[in-house]
Amino acid sequence: MYKTIQKFLIFSILILLLSCAGNKNTATDFTTLFEKSKGTETPEYKEVINYYKQLSATFDEISMFTFGETDSGEPLHLVVYNQQGINNIDEIKQSSKNKILINNGIHPGESDGIDASMLLLRDLVRSDSLKKKYQNSIICIIPVYNIGGALNRNSHSRTNQNGPLEYGFRGNARNYDLNRDFIKQDTKNAAAFAE
C-alpha cells in the first residue's frame, strides 16, 4: 500500500511540473513601472534590459541581440518580435516580411517610447488579435539608444517637462547629442547602430 501511494505522489508531482512547464508565459508579472506608478515613473536602464531579457526568455516570439559597444561601455541591444521567432540577424535580413525599427531613448529624458515599446511587445505576445495583425511584420526595438544618458538620471534637467519623477540626460556618456550623430558617427553608439 505504501509503495502505491508513493508512486501516485511521484506521478502527481510529475504531472504538476509538466503542466507548469507548458505554461511558462503566465508565471512572470510583466506589469511595467510606468503602469505600477500610474504614469509617474519610468524604469532605469538595467530594469529595461532585464524586462526584455525576461520577455525573451518567456516568449519564443521575442529575441534579444547585442551589438558593439556604446560610449558608456555597454552594448547596444536589439529586441526582435517575429511570430516564428528569430535565431540570428540574418533571418531578419532574409525575411520578406515588413520590418519596423523603433529606436528609443535617443534623448532618455523623453522616456515615452521606452515605456510604450515595453507595453507593445508585452501586449503583442499575449494577444491573438494583435499577433494576427502583425503576422507579416518583424518588429525590431532598440530599448535604449543613449545608454550613457539613461544612466545619468535626474529630475531637474528638463525644466518644462511634466514627469516622470526621474529621467535620463540628453547627452550621452561623452555628452554628445546622439540625435545629431547618425551620419558623422563621432560616437560608439552611432557605430553600433550602423552595425
N, C-alpha and C. Protein backbone atom coordinates (compact mmCIF):
# COMPACT_ATOMS: atom_id res chain seq x y z
N MET A 1 0.83 -1.20 0.00
CA MET A 1 0.00 0.00 0.00
C MET A 1 0.87 1.26 0.00
N TYR A 2 1.94 1.28 0.81
CA TYR A 2 2.82 2.44 0.92
C TYR A 2 3.48 2.73 -0.43
N LYS A 3 3.94 1.69 -1.16
CA LYS A 3 4.59 1.87 -2.45
C LYS A 3 3.60 2.41 -3.48
N THR A 4 2.37 2.01 -3.41
CA THR A 4 1.35 2.50 -4.33
C THR A 4 1.11 3.99 -4.11
N ILE A 5 1.02 4.40 -2.85
CA ILE A 5 0.84 5.83 -2.52
C ILE A 5 2.06 6.62 -2.97
N GLN A 6 3.24 6.07 -2.74
CA GLN A 6 4.47 6.75 -3.12
C GLN A 6 4.52 6.94 -4.65
N LYS A 7 4.18 5.92 -5.42
CA LYS A 7 4.15 6.02 -6.88
C LYS A 7 3.12 7.05 -7.33
N PHE A 8 1.96 7.06 -6.67
CA PHE A 8 0.92 8.02 -7.01
C PHE A 8 1.41 9.46 -6.77
N LEU A 9 2.09 9.69 -5.65
CA LEU A 9 2.61 11.02 -5.34
C LEU A 9 3.66 11.46 -6.36
N ILE A 10 4.55 10.55 -6.71
CA ILE A 10 5.58 10.88 -7.70
C ILE A 10 4.93 11.21 -9.04
N PHE A 11 3.94 10.40 -9.43
CA PHE A 11 3.22 10.64 -10.69
C PHE A 11 2.51 11.99 -10.65
N SER A 12 1.88 12.31 -9.54
CA SER A 12 1.17 13.58 -9.39
C SER A 12 2.11 14.77 -9.48
N ILE A 13 3.26 14.65 -8.85
CA ILE A 13 4.26 15.73 -8.90
C ILE A 13 4.76 15.93 -10.32
N LEU A 14 5.01 14.86 -11.04
CA LEU A 14 5.46 14.96 -12.44
C LEU A 14 4.41 15.65 -13.30
N ILE A 15 3.15 15.28 -13.12
CA ILE A 15 2.07 15.91 -13.88
C ILE A 15 2.02 17.41 -13.58
N LEU A 16 2.14 17.77 -12.32
CA LEU A 16 2.13 19.17 -11.91
C LEU A 16 3.29 19.93 -12.54
N LEU A 17 4.49 19.36 -12.51
CA LEU A 17 5.66 20.02 -13.09
C LEU A 17 5.50 20.19 -14.60
N LEU A 18 5.00 19.18 -15.27
CA LEU A 18 4.80 19.28 -16.71
C LEU A 18 3.76 20.33 -17.07
N SER A 19 2.70 20.44 -16.29
CA SER A 19 1.68 21.45 -16.58
C SER A 19 2.22 22.85 -16.35
N CYS A 20 3.09 23.02 -15.37
CA CYS A 20 3.70 24.34 -15.12
C CYS A 20 4.67 24.70 -16.23
N ALA A 21 5.43 23.71 -16.72
CA ALA A 21 6.40 23.96 -17.78
C ALA A 21 5.70 24.40 -19.06
N GLY A 22 4.55 23.84 -19.35
CA GLY A 22 3.81 24.22 -20.55
C GLY A 22 3.18 25.59 -20.45
N ASN A 23 3.13 26.16 -19.29
CA ASN A 23 2.50 27.45 -19.04
C ASN A 23 3.52 28.50 -18.64
N LYS A 24 4.69 28.48 -19.25
CA LYS A 24 5.78 29.33 -18.79
C LYS A 24 5.49 30.82 -18.92
N ASN A 25 4.65 31.25 -19.85
CA ASN A 25 4.44 32.67 -20.06
C ASN A 25 3.40 33.30 -19.13
N THR A 26 2.84 32.55 -18.22
CA THR A 26 1.88 33.15 -17.30
C THR A 26 2.46 33.38 -15.91
N ALA A 27 3.65 32.86 -15.64
CA ALA A 27 4.21 32.94 -14.30
C ALA A 27 4.83 34.31 -13.99
N THR A 28 5.37 34.98 -14.98
CA THR A 28 6.07 36.24 -14.76
C THR A 28 5.11 37.42 -14.88
N ASP A 29 5.24 38.36 -13.96
CA ASP A 29 4.42 39.57 -14.00
C ASP A 29 5.14 40.59 -14.89
N PHE A 30 4.55 40.93 -16.00
CA PHE A 30 5.16 41.88 -16.92
C PHE A 30 4.52 43.26 -16.82
N THR A 31 4.00 43.60 -15.65
CA THR A 31 3.49 44.95 -15.43
C THR A 31 4.70 45.88 -15.33
N THR A 32 4.68 46.96 -16.09
CA THR A 32 5.82 47.87 -16.14
C THR A 32 5.79 48.86 -14.97
N LEU A 33 6.92 49.46 -14.70
CA LEU A 33 7.00 50.50 -13.66
C LEU A 33 6.08 51.67 -14.03
N PHE A 34 6.00 51.99 -15.32
CA PHE A 34 5.12 53.05 -15.78
C PHE A 34 3.68 52.77 -15.34
N GLU A 35 3.24 51.53 -15.50
CA GLU A 35 1.87 51.16 -15.10
C GLU A 35 1.72 51.16 -13.59
N LYS A 36 2.68 50.57 -12.89
CA LYS A 36 2.60 50.48 -11.43
C LYS A 36 2.56 51.86 -10.79
N SER A 37 3.25 52.83 -11.38
CA SER A 37 3.32 54.18 -10.81
C SER A 37 2.23 55.10 -11.36
N LYS A 38 1.32 54.53 -12.15
CA LYS A 38 0.25 55.31 -12.79
C LYS A 38 0.80 56.44 -13.68
N GLY A 39 1.89 56.10 -14.39
CA GLY A 39 2.45 57.03 -15.36
C GLY A 39 3.41 58.06 -14.81
N THR A 40 3.81 57.95 -13.56
CA THR A 40 4.70 58.96 -12.98
C THR A 40 6.18 58.56 -12.98
N GLU A 41 6.47 57.28 -13.27
CA GLU A 41 7.86 56.83 -13.25
C GLU A 41 8.19 56.03 -14.50
N THR A 42 9.47 56.03 -14.82
CA THR A 42 9.99 55.24 -15.93
C THR A 42 11.17 54.41 -15.40
N PRO A 43 11.37 53.20 -15.90
CA PRO A 43 12.41 52.35 -15.33
C PRO A 43 13.83 52.81 -15.66
N GLU A 44 14.76 52.41 -14.80
CA GLU A 44 16.17 52.66 -15.06
C GLU A 44 16.64 51.73 -16.18
N TYR A 45 17.79 52.04 -16.75
CA TYR A 45 18.32 51.29 -17.89
C TYR A 45 18.37 49.79 -17.61
N LYS A 46 18.96 49.39 -16.50
CA LYS A 46 19.10 47.95 -16.21
C LYS A 46 17.73 47.27 -16.05
N GLU A 47 16.76 47.99 -15.52
CA GLU A 47 15.40 47.43 -15.40
C GLU A 47 14.78 47.20 -16.78
N VAL A 48 15.04 48.12 -17.71
CA VAL A 48 14.51 47.98 -19.07
C VAL A 48 15.11 46.74 -19.72
N ILE A 49 16.43 46.59 -19.62
CA ILE A 49 17.10 45.46 -20.24
C ILE A 49 16.66 44.15 -19.59
N ASN A 50 16.54 44.13 -18.27
CA ASN A 50 16.08 42.92 -17.59
C ASN A 50 14.65 42.56 -17.99
N TYR A 51 13.81 43.55 -18.18
CA TYR A 51 12.44 43.31 -18.63
C TYR A 51 12.44 42.56 -19.97
N TYR A 52 13.24 43.06 -20.92
CA TYR A 52 13.30 42.42 -22.23
C TYR A 52 13.96 41.04 -22.16
N LYS A 53 14.93 40.88 -21.29
CA LYS A 53 15.54 39.55 -21.13
C LYS A 53 14.51 38.55 -20.63
N GLN A 54 13.69 38.97 -19.66
CA GLN A 54 12.63 38.08 -19.15
C GLN A 54 11.59 37.81 -20.22
N LEU A 55 11.25 38.83 -20.98
CA LEU A 55 10.27 38.67 -22.05
C LEU A 55 10.77 37.67 -23.09
N SER A 56 12.05 37.79 -23.48
CA SER A 56 12.60 36.88 -24.49
C SER A 56 12.79 35.47 -23.94
N ALA A 57 13.04 35.34 -22.64
CA ALA A 57 13.16 34.01 -22.04
C ALA A 57 11.80 33.33 -21.91
N THR A 58 10.75 34.12 -21.83
CA THR A 58 9.41 33.58 -21.61
C THR A 58 8.66 33.31 -22.92
N PHE A 59 8.85 34.16 -23.90
CA PHE A 59 8.08 34.06 -25.15
C PHE A 59 9.03 33.77 -26.32
N ASP A 60 8.76 32.72 -27.05
CA ASP A 60 9.59 32.32 -28.19
C ASP A 60 9.57 33.35 -29.31
N GLU A 61 8.54 34.18 -29.37
CA GLU A 61 8.44 35.18 -30.43
C GLU A 61 9.39 36.35 -30.24
N ILE A 62 9.98 36.48 -29.05
CA ILE A 62 10.86 37.59 -28.73
C ILE A 62 12.30 37.09 -28.67
N SER A 63 13.20 37.80 -29.35
CA SER A 63 14.63 37.50 -29.31
C SER A 63 15.37 38.78 -28.95
N MET A 64 16.55 38.62 -28.36
CA MET A 64 17.34 39.78 -27.95
C MET A 64 18.78 39.60 -28.40
N PHE A 65 19.34 40.64 -29.02
CA PHE A 65 20.71 40.61 -29.53
C PHE A 65 21.48 41.82 -29.01
N THR A 66 22.80 41.73 -29.02
CA THR A 66 23.64 42.87 -28.66
C THR A 66 24.60 43.16 -29.80
N PHE A 67 24.97 44.44 -29.91
CA PHE A 67 25.90 44.90 -30.95
C PHE A 67 26.94 45.82 -30.34
N GLY A 68 28.17 45.63 -30.72
CA GLY A 68 29.24 46.56 -30.41
C GLY A 68 29.27 47.04 -28.97
N GLU A 69 29.73 48.27 -28.84
CA GLU A 69 29.85 48.91 -27.53
C GLU A 69 29.50 50.38 -27.70
N THR A 70 28.77 50.93 -26.74
CA THR A 70 28.43 52.35 -26.79
C THR A 70 29.48 53.13 -25.99
N ASP A 71 29.36 54.45 -26.01
CA ASP A 71 30.31 55.28 -25.27
C ASP A 71 30.26 55.04 -23.77
N SER A 72 29.18 54.44 -23.29
CA SER A 72 29.06 54.14 -21.86
C SER A 72 29.77 52.83 -21.50
N GLY A 73 30.21 52.08 -22.52
CA GLY A 73 30.83 50.78 -22.28
C GLY A 73 29.86 49.62 -22.35
N GLU A 74 28.57 49.92 -22.43
CA GLU A 74 27.54 48.89 -22.54
C GLU A 74 27.27 48.59 -24.01
N PRO A 75 26.84 47.37 -24.33
CA PRO A 75 26.49 47.08 -25.73
C PRO A 75 25.14 47.69 -26.08
N LEU A 76 24.92 47.85 -27.37
CA LEU A 76 23.62 48.28 -27.85
C LEU A 76 22.75 47.03 -28.01
N HIS A 77 21.51 47.09 -27.51
CA HIS A 77 20.61 45.94 -27.58
C HIS A 77 19.59 46.12 -28.71
N LEU A 78 19.19 44.99 -29.27
CA LEU A 78 18.10 44.96 -30.24
C LEU A 78 17.16 43.85 -29.83
N VAL A 79 15.89 44.20 -29.64
CA VAL A 79 14.86 43.22 -29.28
C VAL A 79 14.00 43.03 -30.52
N VAL A 80 13.73 41.77 -30.87
CA VAL A 80 13.02 41.47 -32.11
C VAL A 80 11.79 40.64 -31.82
N TYR A 81 10.66 41.07 -32.40
CA TYR A 81 9.44 40.27 -32.38
C TYR A 81 9.21 39.67 -33.76
N ASN A 82 8.99 38.39 -33.81
CA ASN A 82 8.58 37.68 -35.01
C ASN A 82 7.77 36.48 -34.57
N GLN A 83 6.63 36.23 -35.19
CA GLN A 83 5.77 35.13 -34.75
C GLN A 83 6.49 33.79 -34.73
N GLN A 84 7.42 33.58 -35.66
CA GLN A 84 8.14 32.32 -35.71
C GLN A 84 9.46 32.37 -34.92
N GLY A 85 9.72 33.47 -34.27
CA GLY A 85 10.98 33.63 -33.55
C GLY A 85 12.11 33.96 -34.52
N ILE A 86 13.22 34.41 -33.96
CA ILE A 86 14.41 34.75 -34.75
C ILE A 86 15.61 34.21 -33.99
N ASN A 87 16.47 33.48 -34.68
CA ASN A 87 17.67 32.95 -34.04
C ASN A 87 18.90 33.78 -34.32
N ASN A 88 18.92 34.49 -35.45
CA ASN A 88 20.06 35.35 -35.77
C ASN A 88 19.61 36.49 -36.66
N ILE A 89 20.43 37.49 -36.77
CA ILE A 89 20.09 38.71 -37.51
C ILE A 89 19.90 38.44 -38.99
N ASP A 90 20.63 37.48 -39.55
CA ASP A 90 20.48 37.18 -40.97
C ASP A 90 19.05 36.77 -41.32
N GLU A 91 18.35 36.13 -40.39
CA GLU A 91 16.96 35.75 -40.64
C GLU A 91 16.09 36.98 -40.87
N ILE A 92 16.40 38.07 -40.17
CA ILE A 92 15.65 39.31 -40.38
C ILE A 92 15.92 39.84 -41.78
N LYS A 93 17.19 39.89 -42.14
CA LYS A 93 17.57 40.43 -43.46
C LYS A 93 16.96 39.61 -44.58
N GLN A 94 16.88 38.30 -44.43
CA GLN A 94 16.40 37.42 -45.49
C GLN A 94 14.87 37.34 -45.55
N SER A 95 14.20 37.77 -44.52
CA SER A 95 12.75 37.66 -44.47
C SER A 95 12.09 38.65 -45.44
N SER A 96 10.97 38.22 -46.03
CA SER A 96 10.21 39.10 -46.91
C SER A 96 9.13 39.87 -46.14
N LYS A 97 9.08 39.68 -44.83
CA LYS A 97 8.08 40.38 -44.01
C LYS A 97 8.41 41.87 -43.91
N ASN A 98 7.39 42.67 -43.57
CA ASN A 98 7.60 44.08 -43.28
C ASN A 98 8.50 44.20 -42.06
N LYS A 99 9.43 45.13 -42.10
CA LYS A 99 10.36 45.32 -40.97
C LYS A 99 10.15 46.71 -40.40
N ILE A 100 9.94 46.75 -39.09
CA ILE A 100 9.69 48.01 -38.39
C ILE A 100 10.81 48.19 -37.37
N LEU A 101 11.48 49.34 -37.38
CA LEU A 101 12.52 49.63 -36.40
C LEU A 101 12.06 50.77 -35.51
N ILE A 102 12.10 50.54 -34.21
CA ILE A 102 11.77 51.56 -33.22
C ILE A 102 13.03 51.83 -32.41
N ASN A 103 13.51 53.07 -32.45
CA ASN A 103 14.74 53.46 -31.76
C ASN A 103 14.37 54.34 -30.57
N ASN A 104 14.49 53.81 -29.36
CA ASN A 104 14.07 54.53 -28.14
C ASN A 104 15.25 55.17 -27.42
N GLY A 105 14.94 56.22 -26.70
CA GLY A 105 15.91 56.80 -25.78
C GLY A 105 17.08 57.48 -26.45
N ILE A 106 16.86 58.08 -27.61
CA ILE A 106 17.93 58.89 -28.20
C ILE A 106 18.23 60.02 -27.23
N HIS A 107 17.16 60.60 -26.68
CA HIS A 107 17.24 61.51 -25.53
C HIS A 107 16.48 60.83 -24.40
N PRO A 108 17.16 60.19 -23.47
CA PRO A 108 16.48 59.39 -22.45
C PRO A 108 15.58 60.18 -21.50
N GLY A 109 15.63 61.49 -21.55
CA GLY A 109 14.68 62.28 -20.79
C GLY A 109 13.29 62.20 -21.40
N GLU A 110 13.23 61.85 -22.66
CA GLU A 110 11.96 61.64 -23.37
C GLU A 110 11.69 60.14 -23.35
N SER A 111 11.10 59.69 -22.26
CA SER A 111 11.03 58.25 -21.99
C SER A 111 9.75 57.58 -22.48
N ASP A 112 8.86 58.32 -23.13
CA ASP A 112 7.58 57.74 -23.55
C ASP A 112 7.76 56.51 -24.44
N GLY A 113 8.68 56.58 -25.39
CA GLY A 113 8.90 55.47 -26.31
C GLY A 113 9.45 54.24 -25.61
N ILE A 114 10.31 54.46 -24.62
CA ILE A 114 10.88 53.34 -23.85
C ILE A 114 9.75 52.57 -23.18
N ASP A 115 8.87 53.30 -22.50
CA ASP A 115 7.74 52.67 -21.81
C ASP A 115 6.75 52.06 -22.80
N ALA A 116 6.44 52.78 -23.86
CA ALA A 116 5.45 52.31 -24.83
C ALA A 116 5.92 51.03 -25.53
N SER A 117 7.20 50.92 -25.83
CA SER A 117 7.71 49.72 -26.51
C SER A 117 7.64 48.50 -25.60
N MET A 118 7.89 48.70 -24.32
CA MET A 118 7.77 47.59 -23.37
C MET A 118 6.33 47.09 -23.35
N LEU A 119 5.38 48.01 -23.31
CA LEU A 119 3.97 47.66 -23.32
C LEU A 119 3.56 47.00 -24.63
N LEU A 120 4.07 47.53 -25.75
CA LEU A 120 3.72 47.00 -27.06
C LEU A 120 4.10 45.52 -27.19
N LEU A 121 5.36 45.19 -26.90
CA LEU A 121 5.78 43.80 -27.06
C LEU A 121 5.09 42.88 -26.08
N ARG A 122 4.91 43.33 -24.86
CA ARG A 122 4.19 42.53 -23.87
C ARG A 122 2.78 42.21 -24.34
N ASP A 123 2.07 43.25 -24.81
CA ASP A 123 0.70 43.05 -25.27
C ASP A 123 0.65 42.22 -26.54
N LEU A 124 1.62 42.40 -27.40
CA LEU A 124 1.65 41.68 -28.67
C LEU A 124 1.76 40.17 -28.47
N VAL A 125 2.65 39.74 -27.58
CA VAL A 125 2.82 38.28 -27.39
C VAL A 125 1.68 37.66 -26.61
N ARG A 126 0.86 38.47 -25.97
CA ARG A 126 -0.26 37.94 -25.18
C ARG A 126 -1.61 38.04 -25.88
N SER A 127 -1.66 38.65 -27.04
CA SER A 127 -2.94 38.90 -27.71
C SER A 127 -2.98 38.23 -29.08
N ASP A 128 -3.91 37.30 -29.24
CA ASP A 128 -4.05 36.62 -30.53
C ASP A 128 -4.46 37.59 -31.64
N SER A 129 -5.30 38.57 -31.31
CA SER A 129 -5.73 39.52 -32.35
C SER A 129 -4.57 40.41 -32.80
N LEU A 130 -3.70 40.82 -31.86
CA LEU A 130 -2.52 41.60 -32.26
C LEU A 130 -1.54 40.74 -33.04
N LYS A 131 -1.37 39.50 -32.64
CA LYS A 131 -0.48 38.59 -33.39
C LYS A 131 -0.95 38.47 -34.83
N LYS A 132 -2.26 38.38 -35.02
CA LYS A 132 -2.81 38.27 -36.37
C LYS A 132 -2.52 39.53 -37.18
N LYS A 133 -2.66 40.70 -36.55
CA LYS A 133 -2.41 41.96 -37.25
C LYS A 133 -0.94 42.10 -37.66
N TYR A 134 -0.04 41.56 -36.87
CA TYR A 134 1.39 41.71 -37.12
C TYR A 134 2.04 40.42 -37.63
N GLN A 135 1.25 39.51 -38.18
CA GLN A 135 1.80 38.23 -38.63
C GLN A 135 2.78 38.39 -39.80
N ASN A 136 2.65 39.46 -40.56
CA ASN A 136 3.55 39.70 -41.70
C ASN A 136 4.59 40.77 -41.39
N SER A 137 4.85 40.98 -40.11
CA SER A 137 5.81 42.01 -39.70
C SER A 137 6.83 41.46 -38.73
N ILE A 138 8.01 42.04 -38.81
CA ILE A 138 9.05 41.82 -37.81
C ILE A 138 9.27 43.18 -37.15
N ILE A 139 9.13 43.23 -35.84
CA ILE A 139 9.29 44.49 -35.11
C ILE A 139 10.62 44.43 -34.37
N CYS A 140 11.49 45.39 -34.68
CA CYS A 140 12.81 45.48 -34.05
C CYS A 140 12.84 46.73 -33.18
N ILE A 141 13.26 46.56 -31.93
CA ILE A 141 13.26 47.68 -30.98
C ILE A 141 14.64 47.83 -30.35
N ILE A 142 15.18 49.02 -30.43
CA ILE A 142 16.36 49.36 -29.63
C ILE A 142 15.79 49.92 -28.34
N PRO A 143 15.92 49.19 -27.22
CA PRO A 143 15.26 49.60 -25.97
C PRO A 143 15.72 50.97 -25.48
N VAL A 144 17.05 51.20 -25.50
CA VAL A 144 17.63 52.48 -25.09
C VAL A 144 18.86 52.70 -25.96
N TYR A 145 18.82 53.71 -26.81
CA TYR A 145 19.96 54.01 -27.68
C TYR A 145 21.04 54.77 -26.93
N ASN A 146 20.65 55.80 -26.19
CA ASN A 146 21.60 56.62 -25.43
C ASN A 146 21.74 56.05 -24.02
N ILE A 147 22.52 55.01 -23.88
CA ILE A 147 22.65 54.33 -22.60
C ILE A 147 23.33 55.23 -21.57
N GLY A 148 24.37 55.93 -21.98
CA GLY A 148 25.06 56.84 -21.05
C GLY A 148 24.13 57.91 -20.50
N GLY A 149 23.28 58.46 -21.36
CA GLY A 149 22.30 59.45 -20.91
C GLY A 149 21.26 58.84 -20.00
N ALA A 150 20.89 57.58 -20.27
CA ALA A 150 19.90 56.90 -19.42
C ALA A 150 20.47 56.60 -18.04
N LEU A 151 21.76 56.33 -17.97
CA LEU A 151 22.40 56.07 -16.67
C LEU A 151 22.58 57.35 -15.85
N ASN A 152 22.59 58.50 -16.53
CA ASN A 152 22.76 59.80 -15.87
C ASN A 152 21.37 60.38 -15.57
N ARG A 153 20.71 59.79 -14.57
CA ARG A 153 19.32 60.18 -14.24
C ARG A 153 19.28 61.37 -13.29
N ASN A 154 18.21 62.16 -13.44
CA ASN A 154 17.97 63.29 -12.55
C ASN A 154 16.51 63.68 -12.65
N SER A 155 16.14 64.74 -11.99
CA SER A 155 14.76 65.22 -12.06
C SER A 155 14.70 66.72 -12.29
N HIS A 156 15.77 67.29 -12.83
CA HIS A 156 15.79 68.75 -12.95
C HIS A 156 16.40 69.30 -14.24
N SER A 157 16.77 68.47 -15.20
CA SER A 157 17.43 69.00 -16.40
C SER A 157 16.44 69.33 -17.52
N ARG A 158 15.16 69.04 -17.36
CA ARG A 158 14.17 69.35 -18.39
C ARG A 158 13.09 70.23 -17.73
N THR A 159 13.32 71.51 -17.70
CA THR A 159 12.56 72.43 -16.85
C THR A 159 11.06 72.46 -17.12
N ASN A 160 10.62 72.36 -18.34
CA ASN A 160 9.19 72.46 -18.62
C ASN A 160 8.52 71.12 -18.85
N GLN A 161 9.18 70.04 -18.48
CA GLN A 161 8.64 68.71 -18.70
C GLN A 161 7.82 68.27 -17.49
N ASN A 162 6.63 67.74 -17.77
CA ASN A 162 5.74 67.27 -16.72
C ASN A 162 5.93 65.77 -16.55
N GLY A 163 6.91 65.37 -15.74
CA GLY A 163 7.18 63.96 -15.46
C GLY A 163 8.14 63.35 -16.44
N PRO A 164 8.58 62.17 -16.18
CA PRO A 164 8.40 61.38 -14.96
C PRO A 164 9.24 61.94 -13.81
N LEU A 165 9.16 61.27 -12.66
CA LEU A 165 9.87 61.77 -11.47
C LEU A 165 11.38 61.87 -11.71
N GLU A 166 11.97 60.84 -12.34
CA GLU A 166 13.38 60.85 -12.73
C GLU A 166 13.49 60.38 -14.16
N TYR A 167 14.49 60.87 -14.87
CA TYR A 167 14.66 60.53 -16.27
C TYR A 167 16.13 60.69 -16.64
N GLY A 168 16.46 60.25 -17.83
CA GLY A 168 17.84 60.33 -18.29
C GLY A 168 18.19 61.71 -18.81
N PHE A 169 19.47 61.88 -19.14
CA PHE A 169 20.01 63.16 -19.62
C PHE A 169 20.15 63.12 -21.14
N ARG A 170 20.06 64.27 -21.77
CA ARG A 170 20.11 64.37 -23.22
C ARG A 170 21.44 63.88 -23.80
N GLY A 171 22.55 64.31 -23.22
CA GLY A 171 23.87 63.95 -23.73
C GLY A 171 24.24 62.52 -23.35
N ASN A 172 25.06 61.88 -24.19
CA ASN A 172 25.48 60.52 -23.87
C ASN A 172 26.66 60.54 -22.90
N ALA A 173 27.36 59.44 -22.75
CA ALA A 173 28.46 59.34 -21.79
C ALA A 173 29.58 60.33 -22.09
N ARG A 174 29.70 60.75 -23.34
CA ARG A 174 30.70 61.76 -23.72
C ARG A 174 30.04 63.10 -24.02
N ASN A 175 28.79 63.25 -23.61
CA ASN A 175 27.99 64.47 -23.76
C ASN A 175 27.66 64.83 -25.20
N TYR A 176 27.61 63.83 -26.07
CA TYR A 176 27.16 64.04 -27.44
C TYR A 176 25.64 63.93 -27.49
N ASP A 177 25.03 64.75 -28.35
CA ASP A 177 23.61 64.62 -28.64
C ASP A 177 23.50 63.60 -29.77
N LEU A 178 23.06 62.39 -29.45
CA LEU A 178 23.06 61.30 -30.43
C LEU A 178 22.09 61.53 -31.58
N ASN A 179 21.14 62.43 -31.42
CA ASN A 179 20.22 62.75 -32.49
C ASN A 179 20.93 63.47 -33.64
N ARG A 180 22.14 63.98 -33.37
CA ARG A 180 22.92 64.71 -34.37
C ARG A 180 24.09 63.89 -34.90
N ASP A 181 24.15 62.59 -34.58
CA ASP A 181 25.39 61.84 -34.85
C ASP A 181 25.20 60.62 -35.74
N PHE A 182 24.05 60.43 -36.35
CA PHE A 182 23.84 59.22 -37.14
C PHE A 182 24.76 59.15 -38.36
N ILE A 183 25.02 60.26 -39.00
CA ILE A 183 25.86 60.26 -40.20
C ILE A 183 27.33 60.44 -39.84
N LYS A 184 27.64 61.37 -38.92
CA LYS A 184 29.04 61.64 -38.58
C LYS A 184 29.70 60.45 -37.89
N GLN A 185 28.96 59.76 -37.05
CA GLN A 185 29.46 58.63 -36.26
C GLN A 185 30.68 59.02 -35.41
N ASP A 186 30.54 60.12 -34.70
CA ASP A 186 31.58 60.51 -33.74
C ASP A 186 31.52 59.67 -32.48
N THR A 187 30.43 58.93 -32.28
CA THR A 187 30.25 58.15 -31.06
C THR A 187 30.24 56.65 -31.37
N LYS A 188 30.56 55.88 -30.35
CA LYS A 188 30.47 54.42 -30.47
C LYS A 188 29.02 53.98 -30.61
N ASN A 189 28.09 54.78 -30.03
CA ASN A 189 26.66 54.47 -30.16
C ASN A 189 26.26 54.42 -31.64
N ALA A 190 26.67 55.45 -32.39
CA ALA A 190 26.31 55.51 -33.80
C ALA A 190 26.96 54.38 -34.59
N ALA A 191 28.19 54.03 -34.25
CA ALA A 191 28.86 52.91 -34.94
C ALA A 191 28.15 51.59 -34.65
N ALA A 192 27.72 51.39 -33.41
CA ALA A 192 26.99 50.17 -33.05
C ALA A 192 25.64 50.15 -33.75
N PHE A 193 24.99 51.33 -33.88
CA PHE A 193 23.72 51.42 -34.59
C PHE A 193 23.91 51.05 -36.06
N ALA A 194 24.96 51.55 -36.69
CA ALA A 194 25.23 51.25 -38.10
C ALA A 194 25.50 49.76 -38.29
N GLU A 195 26.17 49.15 -37.31
CA GLU A 195 26.43 47.71 -37.38
C GLU A 195 25.14 46.92 -37.40
